[in-house]
N, C-alpha and C. Protein backbone atom coordinates (compact mmCIF):
# COMPACT_ATOMS: atom_id res chain seq x y z
N UNK A 1 -42.51 0.88 -79.92
CA UNK A 1 -43.77 0.25 -79.58
C UNK A 1 -43.87 0.12 -78.06
N UNK A 2 -45.10 -0.05 -77.56
CA UNK A 2 -45.30 -0.22 -76.13
C UNK A 2 -45.61 -1.68 -75.82
N UNK A 3 -45.21 -2.10 -74.63
CA UNK A 3 -45.49 -3.44 -74.15
C UNK A 3 -45.71 -3.31 -72.66
N UNK A 4 -46.89 -3.69 -72.19
CA UNK A 4 -47.25 -3.45 -70.79
C UNK A 4 -47.35 -4.75 -70.01
N UNK A 5 -46.73 -4.76 -68.83
CA UNK A 5 -46.81 -5.88 -67.91
C UNK A 5 -47.49 -5.39 -66.64
N UNK A 6 -48.61 -6.01 -66.30
CA UNK A 6 -49.38 -5.64 -65.10
C UNK A 6 -49.14 -6.69 -64.02
N UNK A 7 -48.69 -6.25 -62.87
CA UNK A 7 -48.41 -7.17 -61.77
C UNK A 7 -49.18 -6.72 -60.53
N UNK A 8 -50.13 -7.53 -60.10
CA UNK A 8 -50.96 -7.20 -58.95
C UNK A 8 -50.73 -8.19 -57.81
N UNK A 9 -51.24 -7.83 -56.64
CA UNK A 9 -51.15 -8.73 -55.50
C UNK A 9 -51.20 -7.97 -54.20
N UNK A 10 -51.39 -8.67 -53.08
CA UNK A 10 -51.46 -8.04 -51.77
C UNK A 10 -50.08 -7.60 -51.28
N UNK A 11 -50.07 -6.87 -50.18
CA UNK A 11 -48.83 -6.36 -49.61
C UNK A 11 -47.89 -7.49 -49.20
N UNK A 12 -46.59 -7.27 -49.41
CA UNK A 12 -45.52 -8.17 -48.96
C UNK A 12 -45.55 -9.54 -49.63
N UNK A 13 -46.22 -9.65 -50.77
CA UNK A 13 -46.23 -10.92 -51.50
C UNK A 13 -44.99 -11.05 -52.38
N UNK A 14 -44.35 -9.91 -52.66
CA UNK A 14 -43.15 -9.93 -53.48
C UNK A 14 -43.32 -9.27 -54.84
N UNK A 15 -44.48 -8.66 -55.08
CA UNK A 15 -44.72 -8.10 -56.41
C UNK A 15 -43.79 -6.95 -56.76
N UNK A 16 -43.41 -6.16 -55.74
CA UNK A 16 -42.50 -5.05 -56.00
C UNK A 16 -41.12 -5.53 -56.43
N UNK A 17 -40.60 -6.50 -55.70
CA UNK A 17 -39.29 -7.08 -56.02
C UNK A 17 -39.31 -7.73 -57.39
N UNK A 18 -40.36 -8.49 -57.67
CA UNK A 18 -40.47 -9.16 -58.96
C UNK A 18 -40.61 -8.14 -60.08
N UNK A 19 -41.41 -7.11 -59.85
CA UNK A 19 -41.63 -6.08 -60.88
C UNK A 19 -40.34 -5.37 -61.26
N UNK A 20 -39.58 -4.99 -60.25
CA UNK A 20 -38.31 -4.30 -60.52
C UNK A 20 -37.35 -5.21 -61.30
N UNK A 21 -37.29 -6.48 -60.91
CA UNK A 21 -36.39 -7.42 -61.57
C UNK A 21 -36.81 -7.67 -63.01
N UNK A 22 -38.12 -7.82 -63.23
CA UNK A 22 -38.62 -8.05 -64.59
C UNK A 22 -38.34 -6.83 -65.47
N UNK A 23 -38.58 -5.64 -64.91
CA UNK A 23 -38.32 -4.41 -65.67
C UNK A 23 -36.85 -4.31 -66.04
N UNK A 24 -35.98 -4.63 -65.09
CA UNK A 24 -34.54 -4.55 -65.36
C UNK A 24 -34.13 -5.58 -66.41
N UNK A 25 -34.70 -6.77 -66.33
CA UNK A 25 -34.35 -7.84 -67.27
C UNK A 25 -34.67 -7.46 -68.71
N UNK A 26 -35.85 -6.85 -68.91
CA UNK A 26 -36.29 -6.54 -70.27
C UNK A 26 -35.98 -5.10 -70.67
N UNK A 27 -35.41 -4.32 -69.77
CA UNK A 27 -35.10 -2.94 -70.11
C UNK A 27 -36.33 -2.05 -70.15
N UNK A 28 -37.34 -2.38 -69.35
CA UNK A 28 -38.58 -1.62 -69.31
C UNK A 28 -38.56 -0.61 -68.16
N UNK A 29 -39.42 0.39 -68.25
CA UNK A 29 -39.61 1.34 -67.16
C UNK A 29 -40.51 0.68 -66.11
N UNK A 30 -40.36 1.07 -64.83
CA UNK A 30 -41.14 0.46 -63.76
C UNK A 30 -41.86 1.52 -62.93
N UNK A 31 -43.10 1.24 -62.59
CA UNK A 31 -43.87 2.14 -61.72
C UNK A 31 -44.52 1.34 -60.61
N UNK A 32 -44.16 1.67 -59.37
CA UNK A 32 -44.82 1.10 -58.20
C UNK A 32 -46.02 2.00 -57.93
N UNK A 33 -47.19 1.60 -58.41
CA UNK A 33 -48.37 2.47 -58.30
C UNK A 33 -48.81 2.65 -56.85
N UNK A 34 -48.39 1.72 -55.98
CA UNK A 34 -48.73 1.88 -54.58
C UNK A 34 -48.14 3.14 -53.99
N UNK A 35 -47.01 3.60 -54.56
CA UNK A 35 -46.38 4.82 -54.07
C UNK A 35 -47.28 6.03 -54.29
N UNK A 36 -48.08 6.00 -55.35
CA UNK A 36 -49.00 7.10 -55.61
C UNK A 36 -49.99 7.24 -54.45
N UNK A 37 -50.53 6.09 -54.03
CA UNK A 37 -51.50 6.11 -52.94
C UNK A 37 -50.83 6.37 -51.60
N UNK A 38 -49.60 5.89 -51.43
CA UNK A 38 -48.86 6.18 -50.21
C UNK A 38 -48.59 7.68 -50.10
N UNK A 39 -48.24 8.29 -51.24
CA UNK A 39 -47.95 9.73 -51.22
C UNK A 39 -49.21 10.53 -50.88
N UNK A 40 -50.35 10.10 -51.42
CA UNK A 40 -51.61 10.76 -51.08
C UNK A 40 -51.94 10.52 -49.61
N UNK A 41 -51.76 9.27 -49.17
CA UNK A 41 -52.04 8.95 -47.77
C UNK A 41 -51.17 9.76 -46.82
N UNK A 42 -49.91 9.92 -47.17
CA UNK A 42 -48.99 10.70 -46.33
C UNK A 42 -49.45 12.14 -46.21
N UNK A 43 -49.96 12.68 -47.31
CA UNK A 43 -50.45 14.06 -47.27
C UNK A 43 -51.69 14.21 -46.38
N UNK A 44 -52.53 13.16 -46.38
CA UNK A 44 -53.72 13.25 -45.52
C UNK A 44 -53.34 13.22 -44.05
N UNK A 45 -52.22 12.61 -43.73
CA UNK A 45 -51.78 12.57 -42.33
C UNK A 45 -51.36 13.94 -41.85
N UNK A 46 -51.11 14.86 -42.78
CA UNK A 46 -50.77 16.24 -42.40
C UNK A 46 -52.01 17.12 -42.36
N UNK A 47 -53.18 16.51 -42.68
CA UNK A 47 -54.43 17.25 -42.61
C UNK A 47 -55.02 17.64 -43.95
N UNK A 48 -54.33 17.31 -45.05
CA UNK A 48 -54.83 17.67 -46.37
C UNK A 48 -55.93 16.68 -46.79
N UNK A 49 -57.05 17.16 -47.33
CA UNK A 49 -58.11 16.25 -47.80
C UNK A 49 -57.58 15.32 -48.89
N UNK A 50 -58.03 14.07 -48.88
CA UNK A 50 -57.51 13.06 -49.79
C UNK A 50 -57.65 13.44 -51.26
N UNK A 51 -58.82 13.91 -51.66
CA UNK A 51 -59.06 14.23 -53.07
C UNK A 51 -58.17 15.38 -53.52
N UNK A 52 -58.02 16.38 -52.66
CA UNK A 52 -57.14 17.51 -52.98
C UNK A 52 -55.69 17.04 -53.10
N UNK A 53 -55.29 16.12 -52.23
CA UNK A 53 -53.92 15.60 -52.26
C UNK A 53 -53.67 14.83 -53.55
N UNK A 54 -54.65 14.04 -53.98
CA UNK A 54 -54.50 13.24 -55.20
C UNK A 54 -54.40 14.13 -56.44
N UNK A 55 -55.25 15.14 -56.50
CA UNK A 55 -55.27 16.02 -57.67
C UNK A 55 -54.02 16.89 -57.77
N UNK A 56 -53.36 17.11 -56.64
CA UNK A 56 -52.17 17.96 -56.65
C UNK A 56 -50.87 17.19 -56.55
N UNK A 57 -50.94 15.88 -56.73
CA UNK A 57 -49.75 15.05 -56.56
C UNK A 57 -48.68 15.39 -57.60
N UNK A 58 -47.44 15.48 -57.14
CA UNK A 58 -46.31 15.78 -58.02
C UNK A 58 -45.35 14.60 -58.02
N UNK A 59 -44.58 14.47 -59.08
CA UNK A 59 -43.63 13.35 -59.19
C UNK A 59 -42.67 13.32 -58.01
N UNK A 60 -42.24 14.50 -57.55
CA UNK A 60 -41.28 14.55 -56.44
C UNK A 60 -41.88 14.06 -55.12
N UNK A 61 -43.22 14.02 -55.06
CA UNK A 61 -43.87 13.52 -53.84
C UNK A 61 -43.61 12.03 -53.63
N UNK A 62 -43.20 11.34 -54.70
CA UNK A 62 -42.95 9.91 -54.60
C UNK A 62 -41.55 9.60 -54.07
N UNK A 63 -40.69 10.62 -54.01
CA UNK A 63 -39.30 10.42 -53.58
C UNK A 63 -39.16 10.76 -52.10
N UNK A 64 -39.76 9.92 -51.27
CA UNK A 64 -39.79 10.19 -49.84
C UNK A 64 -39.69 8.87 -49.08
N UNK A 65 -38.63 8.68 -48.32
CA UNK A 65 -38.43 7.43 -47.58
C UNK A 65 -39.55 7.18 -46.57
N UNK A 66 -40.19 8.24 -46.11
CA UNK A 66 -41.24 8.10 -45.10
C UNK A 66 -42.49 7.40 -45.65
N UNK A 67 -42.57 7.24 -46.97
CA UNK A 67 -43.73 6.59 -47.57
C UNK A 67 -43.79 5.10 -47.26
N UNK A 68 -42.71 4.53 -46.73
CA UNK A 68 -42.65 3.09 -46.47
C UNK A 68 -43.04 2.71 -45.05
N UNK A 69 -43.55 3.65 -44.26
CA UNK A 69 -43.91 3.34 -42.88
C UNK A 69 -45.27 2.64 -42.83
N UNK A 70 -45.51 1.92 -41.72
CA UNK A 70 -46.77 1.22 -41.54
C UNK A 70 -47.94 2.19 -41.46
N UNK A 71 -47.72 3.34 -40.83
CA UNK A 71 -48.78 4.35 -40.70
C UNK A 71 -49.21 4.85 -42.06
N UNK A 72 -48.25 5.12 -42.93
CA UNK A 72 -48.57 5.60 -44.27
C UNK A 72 -49.26 4.49 -45.08
N UNK A 73 -48.85 3.25 -44.88
CA UNK A 73 -49.47 2.13 -45.60
C UNK A 73 -50.95 2.04 -45.28
N UNK A 74 -51.30 2.21 -44.02
CA UNK A 74 -52.71 2.17 -43.63
C UNK A 74 -53.47 3.36 -44.22
N UNK A 75 -52.84 4.54 -44.21
CA UNK A 75 -53.47 5.73 -44.78
C UNK A 75 -53.68 5.55 -46.29
N UNK A 76 -52.70 4.91 -46.94
CA UNK A 76 -52.79 4.66 -48.38
C UNK A 76 -53.97 3.76 -48.71
N UNK A 77 -54.15 2.72 -47.90
CA UNK A 77 -55.25 1.79 -48.12
C UNK A 77 -56.60 2.49 -47.97
N UNK A 78 -56.67 3.42 -47.03
CA UNK A 78 -57.93 4.14 -46.80
C UNK A 78 -58.25 5.10 -47.95
N UNK A 79 -57.25 5.86 -48.42
CA UNK A 79 -57.52 6.80 -49.50
C UNK A 79 -57.76 6.07 -50.81
N UNK A 80 -57.19 4.86 -50.95
CA UNK A 80 -57.37 4.09 -52.18
C UNK A 80 -58.80 3.61 -52.35
N UNK A 81 -59.57 3.65 -51.28
CA UNK A 81 -60.98 3.23 -51.34
C UNK A 81 -61.89 4.37 -51.80
N UNK A 82 -61.32 5.56 -51.98
CA UNK A 82 -62.11 6.73 -52.39
C UNK A 82 -62.12 6.83 -53.92
N UNK A 83 -63.26 6.66 -54.56
CA UNK A 83 -63.33 6.68 -56.03
C UNK A 83 -62.69 7.91 -56.66
N UNK A 84 -62.91 9.08 -56.06
CA UNK A 84 -62.38 10.32 -56.64
C UNK A 84 -60.85 10.34 -56.61
N UNK A 85 -60.27 9.71 -55.59
CA UNK A 85 -58.81 9.63 -55.51
C UNK A 85 -58.28 8.73 -56.62
N UNK A 86 -58.91 7.58 -56.79
CA UNK A 86 -58.48 6.64 -57.82
C UNK A 86 -58.62 7.28 -59.21
N UNK A 87 -59.72 7.99 -59.43
CA UNK A 87 -59.94 8.64 -60.73
C UNK A 87 -58.86 9.67 -61.03
N UNK A 88 -58.42 10.38 -60.00
CA UNK A 88 -57.41 11.42 -60.18
C UNK A 88 -56.06 10.84 -60.58
N UNK A 89 -55.82 9.57 -60.23
CA UNK A 89 -54.52 8.96 -60.48
C UNK A 89 -54.50 8.02 -61.68
N UNK A 90 -55.67 7.75 -62.26
CA UNK A 90 -55.76 6.81 -63.37
C UNK A 90 -54.99 7.28 -64.60
N UNK A 91 -55.17 8.53 -64.99
CA UNK A 91 -54.53 9.03 -66.21
C UNK A 91 -53.01 8.94 -66.13
N UNK A 92 -52.45 9.25 -64.96
CA UNK A 92 -51.00 9.18 -64.78
C UNK A 92 -50.51 7.76 -65.02
N UNK A 93 -51.21 6.79 -64.45
CA UNK A 93 -50.80 5.40 -64.57
C UNK A 93 -50.95 4.89 -66.00
N UNK A 94 -52.03 5.23 -66.66
CA UNK A 94 -52.25 4.75 -68.02
C UNK A 94 -51.26 5.36 -69.00
N UNK A 95 -50.92 6.62 -68.79
CA UNK A 95 -49.93 7.26 -69.65
C UNK A 95 -48.57 6.57 -69.48
N UNK A 96 -48.23 6.23 -68.26
CA UNK A 96 -46.97 5.53 -68.00
C UNK A 96 -46.97 4.18 -68.69
N UNK A 97 -48.10 3.48 -68.63
CA UNK A 97 -48.21 2.14 -69.21
C UNK A 97 -48.03 2.15 -70.73
N UNK A 98 -48.39 3.26 -71.36
CA UNK A 98 -48.33 3.34 -72.83
C UNK A 98 -46.99 3.85 -73.34
N UNK A 99 -46.07 4.16 -72.45
CA UNK A 99 -44.82 4.77 -72.89
C UNK A 99 -44.04 3.82 -73.82
N UNK A 100 -43.35 4.41 -74.78
CA UNK A 100 -42.54 3.61 -75.70
C UNK A 100 -41.40 2.97 -74.92
N UNK A 101 -41.04 1.77 -75.31
CA UNK A 101 -39.94 1.09 -74.65
C UNK A 101 -40.38 0.07 -73.63
N UNK A 102 -41.69 -0.01 -73.37
CA UNK A 102 -42.20 -1.01 -72.45
C UNK A 102 -42.32 -0.51 -71.03
N UNK A 103 -43.28 -1.06 -70.29
CA UNK A 103 -43.52 -0.62 -68.92
C UNK A 103 -44.02 -1.77 -68.06
N UNK A 104 -43.58 -1.77 -66.81
CA UNK A 104 -44.06 -2.71 -65.81
C UNK A 104 -44.72 -1.89 -64.71
N UNK A 105 -45.98 -2.18 -64.43
CA UNK A 105 -46.69 -1.49 -63.35
C UNK A 105 -47.14 -2.51 -62.32
N UNK A 106 -46.88 -2.22 -61.06
CA UNK A 106 -47.38 -3.13 -60.03
C UNK A 106 -48.30 -2.38 -59.07
N UNK A 107 -49.32 -3.10 -58.62
CA UNK A 107 -50.30 -2.49 -57.73
C UNK A 107 -51.35 -3.49 -57.31
N UNK A 108 -52.60 -3.03 -57.29
CA UNK A 108 -53.69 -3.90 -56.88
C UNK A 108 -54.82 -3.98 -57.91
N UNK A 109 -54.83 -3.05 -58.86
CA UNK A 109 -55.89 -3.06 -59.87
C UNK A 109 -55.34 -2.80 -61.27
N UNK A 110 -54.07 -3.12 -61.48
CA UNK A 110 -53.45 -2.82 -62.78
C UNK A 110 -54.04 -3.68 -63.89
N UNK A 111 -54.11 -4.98 -63.66
CA UNK A 111 -54.63 -5.87 -64.70
C UNK A 111 -56.13 -5.83 -64.86
N UNK A 112 -56.84 -5.35 -63.84
CA UNK A 112 -58.31 -5.32 -63.91
C UNK A 112 -58.88 -3.97 -64.33
N UNK A 113 -58.23 -2.88 -63.92
CA UNK A 113 -58.79 -1.55 -64.16
C UNK A 113 -57.87 -0.64 -64.96
N UNK A 114 -56.62 -0.51 -64.53
CA UNK A 114 -55.71 0.44 -65.17
C UNK A 114 -55.28 -0.02 -66.56
N UNK A 115 -54.85 -1.27 -66.66
CA UNK A 115 -54.35 -1.79 -67.94
C UNK A 115 -54.97 -3.15 -68.27
N UNK A 116 -56.29 -3.19 -68.50
CA UNK A 116 -56.93 -4.48 -68.80
C UNK A 116 -56.45 -5.09 -70.11
N UNK A 117 -55.80 -4.28 -70.97
CA UNK A 117 -55.30 -4.79 -72.24
C UNK A 117 -53.81 -5.11 -72.17
N UNK A 118 -53.23 -5.16 -70.99
CA UNK A 118 -51.80 -5.45 -70.84
C UNK A 118 -51.46 -6.79 -71.50
N UNK A 119 -50.31 -6.83 -72.13
CA UNK A 119 -49.90 -8.06 -72.82
C UNK A 119 -49.62 -9.20 -71.85
N UNK A 120 -49.17 -8.86 -70.65
CA UNK A 120 -48.91 -9.87 -69.62
C UNK A 120 -49.52 -9.39 -68.30
N UNK A 121 -50.23 -10.30 -67.62
CA UNK A 121 -50.79 -9.99 -66.30
C UNK A 121 -50.38 -11.07 -65.33
N UNK A 122 -49.80 -10.64 -64.22
CA UNK A 122 -49.39 -11.57 -63.17
C UNK A 122 -50.10 -11.19 -61.87
N UNK A 123 -50.42 -12.19 -61.06
CA UNK A 123 -50.97 -11.93 -59.74
C UNK A 123 -50.08 -12.66 -58.75
N UNK A 124 -49.36 -11.88 -57.95
CA UNK A 124 -48.38 -12.42 -57.01
C UNK A 124 -49.00 -12.47 -55.61
N UNK A 125 -48.95 -13.64 -54.99
CA UNK A 125 -49.53 -13.78 -53.66
C UNK A 125 -48.65 -14.67 -52.79
N UNK A 126 -49.00 -14.78 -51.52
CA UNK A 126 -48.30 -15.65 -50.57
C UNK A 126 -49.21 -15.77 -49.35
N UNK A 127 -48.91 -16.71 -48.47
CA UNK A 127 -49.74 -16.90 -47.28
C UNK A 127 -49.64 -15.69 -46.36
N UNK A 128 -50.67 -15.49 -45.54
CA UNK A 128 -50.67 -14.36 -44.60
C UNK A 128 -49.46 -14.41 -43.68
N UNK A 129 -49.14 -15.61 -43.17
CA UNK A 129 -48.04 -15.76 -42.22
C UNK A 129 -46.70 -15.37 -42.84
N UNK A 130 -46.47 -15.83 -44.05
CA UNK A 130 -45.20 -15.52 -44.73
C UNK A 130 -45.12 -14.03 -45.06
N UNK A 131 -46.20 -13.47 -45.53
CA UNK A 131 -46.20 -12.03 -45.85
C UNK A 131 -45.96 -11.19 -44.59
N UNK A 132 -46.57 -11.58 -43.49
CA UNK A 132 -46.39 -10.84 -42.24
C UNK A 132 -44.94 -10.94 -41.75
N UNK A 133 -44.35 -12.12 -41.88
CA UNK A 133 -42.95 -12.30 -41.49
C UNK A 133 -42.04 -11.39 -42.32
N UNK A 134 -42.30 -11.34 -43.61
CA UNK A 134 -41.48 -10.50 -44.49
C UNK A 134 -41.62 -9.03 -44.13
N UNK A 135 -42.84 -8.57 -43.92
CA UNK A 135 -43.07 -7.16 -43.63
C UNK A 135 -42.51 -6.79 -42.26
N UNK A 136 -42.65 -7.70 -41.29
CA UNK A 136 -42.10 -7.42 -39.97
C UNK A 136 -40.58 -7.26 -40.05
N UNK A 137 -39.92 -8.16 -40.76
CA UNK A 137 -38.47 -8.08 -40.90
C UNK A 137 -38.05 -6.77 -41.56
N UNK A 138 -38.81 -6.37 -42.58
CA UNK A 138 -38.52 -5.12 -43.30
C UNK A 138 -38.65 -3.92 -42.39
N UNK A 139 -39.76 -3.86 -41.64
CA UNK A 139 -40.01 -2.71 -40.77
C UNK A 139 -39.06 -2.70 -39.58
N UNK A 140 -38.80 -3.87 -39.01
CA UNK A 140 -37.91 -3.95 -37.85
C UNK A 140 -36.50 -3.52 -38.23
N UNK A 141 -36.08 -3.86 -39.44
CA UNK A 141 -34.75 -3.48 -39.91
C UNK A 141 -34.60 -1.97 -40.03
N UNK A 142 -35.73 -1.30 -40.20
CA UNK A 142 -35.71 0.17 -40.31
C UNK A 142 -35.92 0.83 -38.95
N UNK A 143 -36.00 0.00 -37.90
CA UNK A 143 -36.15 0.57 -36.56
C UNK A 143 -37.57 0.87 -36.15
N UNK A 144 -38.54 0.38 -36.89
CA UNK A 144 -39.94 0.64 -36.56
C UNK A 144 -40.34 -0.13 -35.30
N UNK A 145 -41.19 0.47 -34.50
CA UNK A 145 -41.68 -0.16 -33.27
C UNK A 145 -42.89 -1.02 -33.61
N UNK A 146 -42.62 -2.26 -34.02
CA UNK A 146 -43.69 -3.15 -34.46
C UNK A 146 -43.53 -4.52 -33.81
N UNK A 147 -44.61 -5.29 -33.81
CA UNK A 147 -44.58 -6.67 -33.33
C UNK A 147 -45.09 -7.57 -34.44
N UNK A 148 -44.67 -8.85 -34.45
CA UNK A 148 -45.16 -9.77 -35.49
C UNK A 148 -46.69 -9.84 -35.51
N UNK A 149 -47.29 -9.86 -34.32
CA UNK A 149 -48.75 -9.94 -34.23
C UNK A 149 -49.42 -8.69 -34.79
N UNK A 150 -48.83 -7.55 -34.49
CA UNK A 150 -49.40 -6.29 -34.98
C UNK A 150 -49.29 -6.16 -36.48
N UNK A 151 -48.16 -6.59 -37.02
CA UNK A 151 -47.96 -6.53 -38.47
C UNK A 151 -48.95 -7.44 -39.18
N UNK A 152 -49.15 -8.65 -38.64
CA UNK A 152 -50.11 -9.58 -39.24
C UNK A 152 -51.51 -9.00 -39.22
N UNK A 153 -51.90 -8.39 -38.11
CA UNK A 153 -53.23 -7.79 -38.02
C UNK A 153 -53.39 -6.65 -39.01
N UNK A 154 -52.36 -5.81 -39.12
CA UNK A 154 -52.41 -4.70 -40.08
C UNK A 154 -52.57 -5.21 -41.51
N UNK A 155 -51.81 -6.26 -41.85
CA UNK A 155 -51.90 -6.82 -43.20
C UNK A 155 -53.29 -7.37 -43.48
N UNK A 156 -53.84 -8.09 -42.53
CA UNK A 156 -55.16 -8.69 -42.73
C UNK A 156 -56.25 -7.63 -42.83
N UNK A 157 -56.12 -6.57 -42.03
CA UNK A 157 -57.09 -5.47 -42.10
C UNK A 157 -56.99 -4.77 -43.45
N UNK A 158 -55.77 -4.58 -43.90
CA UNK A 158 -55.56 -3.91 -45.20
C UNK A 158 -56.07 -4.78 -46.34
N UNK A 159 -55.80 -6.09 -46.27
CA UNK A 159 -56.30 -7.01 -47.30
C UNK A 159 -57.82 -6.93 -47.39
N UNK A 160 -58.49 -6.95 -46.22
CA UNK A 160 -59.94 -6.91 -46.19
C UNK A 160 -60.46 -5.61 -46.80
N UNK A 161 -59.83 -4.50 -46.43
CA UNK A 161 -60.26 -3.20 -46.95
C UNK A 161 -60.03 -3.11 -48.45
N UNK A 162 -58.86 -3.59 -48.91
CA UNK A 162 -58.54 -3.51 -50.33
C UNK A 162 -59.43 -4.43 -51.17
N UNK A 163 -59.78 -5.59 -50.63
CA UNK A 163 -60.57 -6.57 -51.38
C UNK A 163 -62.06 -6.24 -51.39
N UNK A 164 -62.52 -5.53 -50.37
CA UNK A 164 -63.95 -5.28 -50.23
C UNK A 164 -64.39 -3.89 -50.68
N UNK A 165 -63.41 -3.04 -51.04
CA UNK A 165 -63.79 -1.69 -51.44
C UNK A 165 -64.59 -1.73 -52.74
N UNK A 166 -65.47 -0.77 -52.90
CA UNK A 166 -66.33 -0.71 -54.09
C UNK A 166 -65.54 -0.31 -55.33
N UNK A 167 -64.56 0.56 -55.15
CA UNK A 167 -63.78 1.06 -56.29
C UNK A 167 -62.54 0.21 -56.51
N UNK A 168 -62.50 -0.48 -57.64
CA UNK A 168 -61.32 -1.25 -58.06
C UNK A 168 -60.75 -2.12 -56.95
N UNK A 169 -61.51 -3.10 -56.48
CA UNK A 169 -61.01 -3.96 -55.40
C UNK A 169 -59.83 -4.81 -55.82
N UNK A 170 -59.05 -5.23 -54.82
CA UNK A 170 -57.93 -6.12 -55.08
C UNK A 170 -58.46 -7.48 -55.50
N UNK A 171 -58.18 -7.87 -56.74
CA UNK A 171 -58.59 -9.17 -57.24
C UNK A 171 -57.76 -9.50 -58.48
N UNK A 172 -57.58 -10.78 -58.72
CA UNK A 172 -56.79 -11.18 -59.90
C UNK A 172 -57.64 -11.06 -61.16
N UNK A 173 -57.04 -10.56 -62.22
CA UNK A 173 -57.73 -10.51 -63.51
C UNK A 173 -57.97 -11.96 -63.96
N UNK A 174 -59.03 -12.17 -64.72
CA UNK A 174 -59.36 -13.53 -65.14
C UNK A 174 -58.24 -14.19 -65.93
N UNK A 175 -57.49 -13.39 -66.67
CA UNK A 175 -56.42 -13.95 -67.50
C UNK A 175 -55.03 -13.75 -66.88
N UNK A 176 -54.98 -13.42 -65.59
CA UNK A 176 -53.69 -13.26 -64.93
C UNK A 176 -53.09 -14.62 -64.58
N UNK A 177 -51.77 -14.70 -64.62
CA UNK A 177 -51.07 -15.91 -64.22
C UNK A 177 -50.69 -15.77 -62.75
N UNK A 178 -51.06 -16.76 -61.95
CA UNK A 178 -50.80 -16.71 -60.51
C UNK A 178 -49.38 -17.16 -60.19
N UNK A 179 -48.69 -16.38 -59.35
CA UNK A 179 -47.38 -16.79 -58.82
C UNK A 179 -47.48 -16.74 -57.31
N UNK A 180 -47.45 -17.90 -56.66
CA UNK A 180 -47.51 -17.99 -55.21
C UNK A 180 -46.08 -18.08 -54.69
N UNK A 181 -45.65 -17.05 -53.96
CA UNK A 181 -44.26 -16.98 -53.51
C UNK A 181 -44.05 -17.54 -52.09
N UNK A 182 -45.08 -18.17 -51.54
CA UNK A 182 -44.98 -18.68 -50.17
C UNK A 182 -43.73 -19.52 -49.97
N UNK A 183 -43.48 -20.43 -50.89
CA UNK A 183 -42.35 -21.35 -50.78
C UNK A 183 -41.29 -21.12 -51.85
N UNK A 184 -41.31 -19.93 -52.44
CA UNK A 184 -40.34 -19.62 -53.50
C UNK A 184 -39.28 -18.65 -52.99
N UNK A 185 -38.04 -18.85 -53.42
CA UNK A 185 -37.00 -17.86 -53.15
C UNK A 185 -37.22 -16.69 -54.09
N UNK A 186 -36.57 -15.57 -53.81
CA UNK A 186 -36.71 -14.40 -54.68
C UNK A 186 -36.27 -14.74 -56.09
N UNK A 187 -35.13 -15.40 -56.20
CA UNK A 187 -34.60 -15.71 -57.53
C UNK A 187 -35.53 -16.65 -58.29
N UNK A 188 -36.13 -17.61 -57.60
CA UNK A 188 -37.04 -18.54 -58.26
C UNK A 188 -38.31 -17.84 -58.71
N UNK A 189 -38.82 -16.93 -57.89
CA UNK A 189 -40.02 -16.19 -58.25
C UNK A 189 -39.77 -15.29 -59.45
N UNK A 190 -38.62 -14.63 -59.45
CA UNK A 190 -38.26 -13.75 -60.57
C UNK A 190 -38.08 -14.57 -61.85
N UNK A 191 -37.42 -15.71 -61.72
CA UNK A 191 -37.20 -16.57 -62.88
C UNK A 191 -38.53 -17.02 -63.48
N UNK A 192 -39.48 -17.35 -62.63
CA UNK A 192 -40.80 -17.77 -63.11
C UNK A 192 -41.50 -16.63 -63.84
N UNK A 193 -41.44 -15.43 -63.26
CA UNK A 193 -42.08 -14.28 -63.88
C UNK A 193 -41.45 -13.94 -65.22
N UNK A 194 -40.14 -13.96 -65.28
CA UNK A 194 -39.43 -13.66 -66.53
C UNK A 194 -39.82 -14.67 -67.61
N UNK A 195 -39.93 -15.93 -67.23
CA UNK A 195 -40.29 -16.97 -68.19
C UNK A 195 -41.70 -16.74 -68.75
N UNK A 196 -42.61 -16.31 -67.90
CA UNK A 196 -43.99 -16.04 -68.33
C UNK A 196 -44.01 -14.88 -69.32
N UNK A 197 -43.25 -13.83 -68.99
CA UNK A 197 -43.20 -12.67 -69.87
C UNK A 197 -42.51 -13.03 -71.19
N UNK A 198 -41.44 -13.79 -71.09
CA UNK A 198 -40.69 -14.17 -72.28
C UNK A 198 -41.57 -14.95 -73.26
N UNK A 199 -42.45 -15.76 -72.71
CA UNK A 199 -43.35 -16.55 -73.55
C UNK A 199 -44.27 -15.66 -74.36
N UNK A 200 -44.55 -14.47 -73.83
CA UNK A 200 -45.42 -13.52 -74.54
C UNK A 200 -44.69 -12.82 -75.67
N UNK A 201 -43.36 -12.97 -75.70
CA UNK A 201 -42.57 -12.47 -76.81
C UNK A 201 -42.27 -10.99 -76.87
N UNK A 202 -41.94 -10.34 -75.73
CA UNK A 202 -41.61 -8.91 -75.83
C UNK A 202 -40.23 -8.71 -76.42
N UNK A 203 -40.04 -7.76 -77.30
CA UNK A 203 -38.70 -7.47 -77.81
C UNK A 203 -37.88 -6.84 -76.72
N UNK A 204 -36.59 -7.05 -76.71
CA UNK A 204 -35.72 -6.46 -75.70
C UNK A 204 -35.83 -4.96 -75.75
N UNK A 205 -36.24 -4.35 -74.61
CA UNK A 205 -36.40 -2.90 -74.57
C UNK A 205 -37.63 -2.45 -75.32
N UNK A 206 -38.50 -3.43 -75.69
CA UNK A 206 -39.74 -3.14 -76.42
C UNK A 206 -39.49 -2.19 -77.55
């Protein structure tokens, strides 16, 4: 049987970390849907049109460390606002969500557009300042030439673009459970998410 967990939220709120931990806890498959858009965005930086990049996306395109750069993140946010790009990637995501054994998908429109019938929907958020601090530390550790002020501005610009786009804007589903990680440790946030999912009664390994 299938059991789908949809986890949405803005950048650096902790949804990726929580999603991976929840998937590991229940023995479910995990998909970071943001990587799909990052991979498309990365291709546009080489000059490939966004729609063509989305339609030709291959699984191996997601296995690239360069997808985690700030430049690619901005490109991903821009291509994600293109309806044709989102349409090209919908089938891949929905097929993953229906796989036997259970699935956890994290992104920005999973609970609202991709998997509105998901058994569990979470919306993970945190304050702008905390998210910027987390992202700055992550990028600086990788040697990126960034400043705290620049990272905060990039996050706020991306939030605005993601929330205001016409196609599948970033927003919490009406029935999503909010997890604010501003003052939560990673372990506490994961524990809260696992408890919410457990209450929904998924069988181990679905």
